[in-house]
C-alpha cells in the first residue's frame, strides 16, 4: 500500500474552496479603486479563467488547458500596466483571501509561495528612479 501525495487541490477541498478563493479575491479587487481600474469592466470572464487556471495549476482537472490552451500568463497580462505597487496590492488581496477562506497548512504556504513568485513575474512597468 503506497500513500499517494495529495495535491493542493485535494488538500483544500477542490472546486468549492477554489471558487470561494476567487470570489473573495475578486470582491477585494472590485472594492480597490486602484486595482479595479486595471481590470476589464466585466469581471466574470476573469473570475472564470482564474478559477480554471488555479484548480488546474494546483492539481485539479485540466479544464483550463482544454478551454484555453497553455496559460501564457505573461502574455495574457502584458496589456495591463502592472507596476510593483499594483503587484503588491494584488498579492495582498490574494494572501488575505487565502486566510479568509481558511486554507490550512501545508497548502497555505504552498499557495502563498506560488502567488508571491507568480505575481512578481507579471510586473511589466518599472520605476528605476531615473528623472529626466
Protein backbone atom coordinates (compact mmCIF):
# COMPACT_ATOMS: atom_id res chain seq x y z
CA UNK A 1 0.00 0.00 0.00
CA UNK A 2 1.50 3.32 -1.06
CA UNK A 3 0.44 6.71 0.13
CA UNK A 4 -0.03 8.94 -2.88
CA UNK A 5 0.81 12.54 -2.07
CA UNK A 6 -2.25 14.73 -2.13
CA UNK A 7 -2.41 17.69 -4.47
CA UNK A 8 -3.16 21.14 -3.12
CA UNK A 9 -6.45 20.87 -4.98
CA UNK A 10 -7.33 17.78 -2.92
CA UNK A 11 -5.90 19.15 0.33
CA UNK A 12 -8.14 22.19 0.36
CA UNK A 13 -11.36 20.59 -0.83
CA UNK A 14 -11.33 21.06 -4.59
CA UNK A 15 -13.63 23.27 -6.64
CA UNK A 16 -15.68 24.63 -3.77
CA UNK A 17 -12.70 26.10 -1.94
CA UNK A 18 -11.12 27.47 -5.10
CA UNK A 19 -14.41 29.10 -6.07
CA UNK A 20 -14.59 30.71 -2.64
CA UNK A 21 -11.00 31.94 -3.01
CA UNK A 22 -11.72 33.51 -6.40
CA UNK A 23 -14.94 35.11 -5.13
CA UNK A 24 -13.30 36.59 -2.03
CA UNK A 25 -10.29 37.80 -4.03
CA UNK A 26 -12.39 39.45 -6.75
CA UNK A 27 -14.60 41.16 -4.16
CA UNK A 28 -11.44 42.77 -2.80
CA UNK A 29 -10.29 43.79 -6.28
CA UNK A 30 -13.69 45.28 -7.04
CA UNK A 31 -13.52 47.39 -3.88
CA UNK A 32 -9.94 48.53 -4.56
CA UNK A 33 -10.07 51.74 -6.60
CA UNK A 34 -6.53 51.46 -7.93
CA UNK A 35 -6.63 47.80 -8.88
CA UNK A 36 -10.18 47.88 -10.22
CA UNK A 37 -9.08 50.23 -12.99
CA UNK A 38 -6.60 47.62 -14.24
CA UNK A 39 -9.31 45.01 -14.72
CA UNK A 40 -11.89 44.84 -17.52
CA UNK A 41 -15.35 46.25 -16.87
CA UNK A 42 -16.88 42.77 -16.73
CA UNK A 43 -15.06 40.73 -14.08
CA UNK A 44 -16.92 37.47 -14.71
CA UNK A 45 -14.71 36.11 -17.52
CA UNK A 46 -11.59 36.81 -15.46
CA UNK A 47 -13.10 35.08 -12.45
CA UNK A 48 -13.88 32.03 -14.58
CA UNK A 49 -10.38 31.87 -16.08
CA UNK A 50 -8.72 32.37 -12.71
CA UNK A 51 -10.82 29.58 -11.18
CA UNK A 52 -10.00 27.20 -14.04
CA UNK A 53 -6.31 28.10 -14.01
CA UNK A 54 -5.88 27.79 -10.25
CA UNK A 55 -7.72 24.49 -9.98
CA UNK A 56 -5.59 23.04 -12.77
CA UNK A 57 -2.31 24.51 -11.54
CA UNK A 58 -2.82 23.13 -8.06
CA UNK A 59 -3.60 19.60 -9.23
CA UNK A 60 -7.24 19.58 -10.26
CA UNK A 61 -8.87 18.86 -13.61
CA UNK A 62 -7.21 20.22 -16.78
CA UNK A 63 -10.25 22.32 -17.70
CA UNK A 64 -8.22 25.48 -18.30
CA UNK A 65 -5.98 23.79 -20.87
CA UNK A 66 -8.98 22.20 -22.56
CA UNK A 67 -10.73 25.55 -22.89
CA UNK A 68 -7.84 27.92 -23.47
CA UNK A 69 -4.60 26.03 -24.07
CA UNK A 70 -1.34 26.98 -22.41
CA UNK A 71 -1.77 29.66 -19.71
CA UNK A 72 0.87 32.08 -21.15
CA UNK A 73 0.41 34.25 -18.08
CA UNK A 74 2.98 36.93 -19.03
CA UNK A 75 1.44 37.31 -22.48
CA UNK A 76 -2.13 37.44 -21.16
CA UNK A 77 -1.21 40.06 -18.56
CA UNK A 78 1.01 42.07 -20.93
CA UNK A 79 -1.68 44.59 -21.97
CA UNK A 80 -2.24 45.64 -18.35
CA UNK A 81 0.12 48.17 -16.73
CA UNK A 82 1.43 46.24 -13.71
CA UNK A 83 3.98 48.02 -11.56
CA UNK A 84 5.32 46.88 -8.18
CA UNK A 85 2.64 48.80 -6.31
CA UNK A 86 -0.14 47.09 -8.28
CA UNK A 87 1.59 43.73 -7.81
CA UNK A 88 1.89 44.28 -4.07
CA UNK A 89 -1.76 45.29 -3.77
CA UNK A 90 -2.88 42.31 -5.87
CA UNK A 91 -0.73 39.98 -3.76
CA UNK A 92 -2.06 41.47 -0.52
CA UNK A 93 -5.65 40.79 -1.59
CA UNK A 94 -4.84 37.22 -2.62
CA UNK A 95 -2.99 36.41 0.60
CA UNK A 96 -5.80 37.86 2.70
CA UNK A 97 -8.31 35.86 0.63
CA UNK A 98 -6.36 32.65 1.34
CA UNK A 99 -6.63 33.35 5.05
CA UNK A 100 -10.29 34.42 4.91
CA UNK A 101 -11.23 31.24 3.06
CA UNK A 102 -9.40 29.28 5.76
CA UNK A 103 -6.84 27.40 3.68
CA UNK A 104 -4.70 25.49 6.15
CA UNK A 105 -1.08 24.35 6.11
CA UNK A 106 0.70 22.96 4.24
CA UNK A 107 -1.44 24.14 1.29
CA UNK A 108 -1.47 27.71 2.66
CA UNK A 109 2.32 28.07 2.41
CA UNK A 110 2.50 26.36 -0.97
CA UNK A 111 -0.11 28.73 -2.39
CA UNK A 112 1.37 31.83 -0.79
CA UNK A 113 4.78 30.98 -2.23
CA UNK A 114 3.32 30.49 -5.71
CA UNK A 115 1.42 33.78 -5.61
CA UNK A 116 4.44 35.71 -4.32
CA UNK A 117 6.65 34.42 -7.13
CA UNK A 118 3.96 34.41 -9.82
CA UNK A 119 2.78 37.94 -9.15
CA UNK A 120 6.35 39.24 -9.34
CA UNK A 121 6.65 37.71 -12.80
CA UNK A 122 3.63 39.72 -14.02
CA UNK A 123 5.26 43.11 -13.34
CA UNK A 124 5.81 44.91 -16.63
CA UNK A 125 6.35 48.53 -15.54
CA UNK A 126 9.45 49.50 -13.60
CA UNK A 127 10.41 52.76 -11.91
CA UNK A 128 14.17 52.93 -11.88
CA UNK A 129 14.22 56.26 -10.09
CA UNK A 130 15.69 57.99 -13.11
CA UNK A 131 14.49 61.54 -13.64
CA UNK A 132 14.98 63.33 -16.80
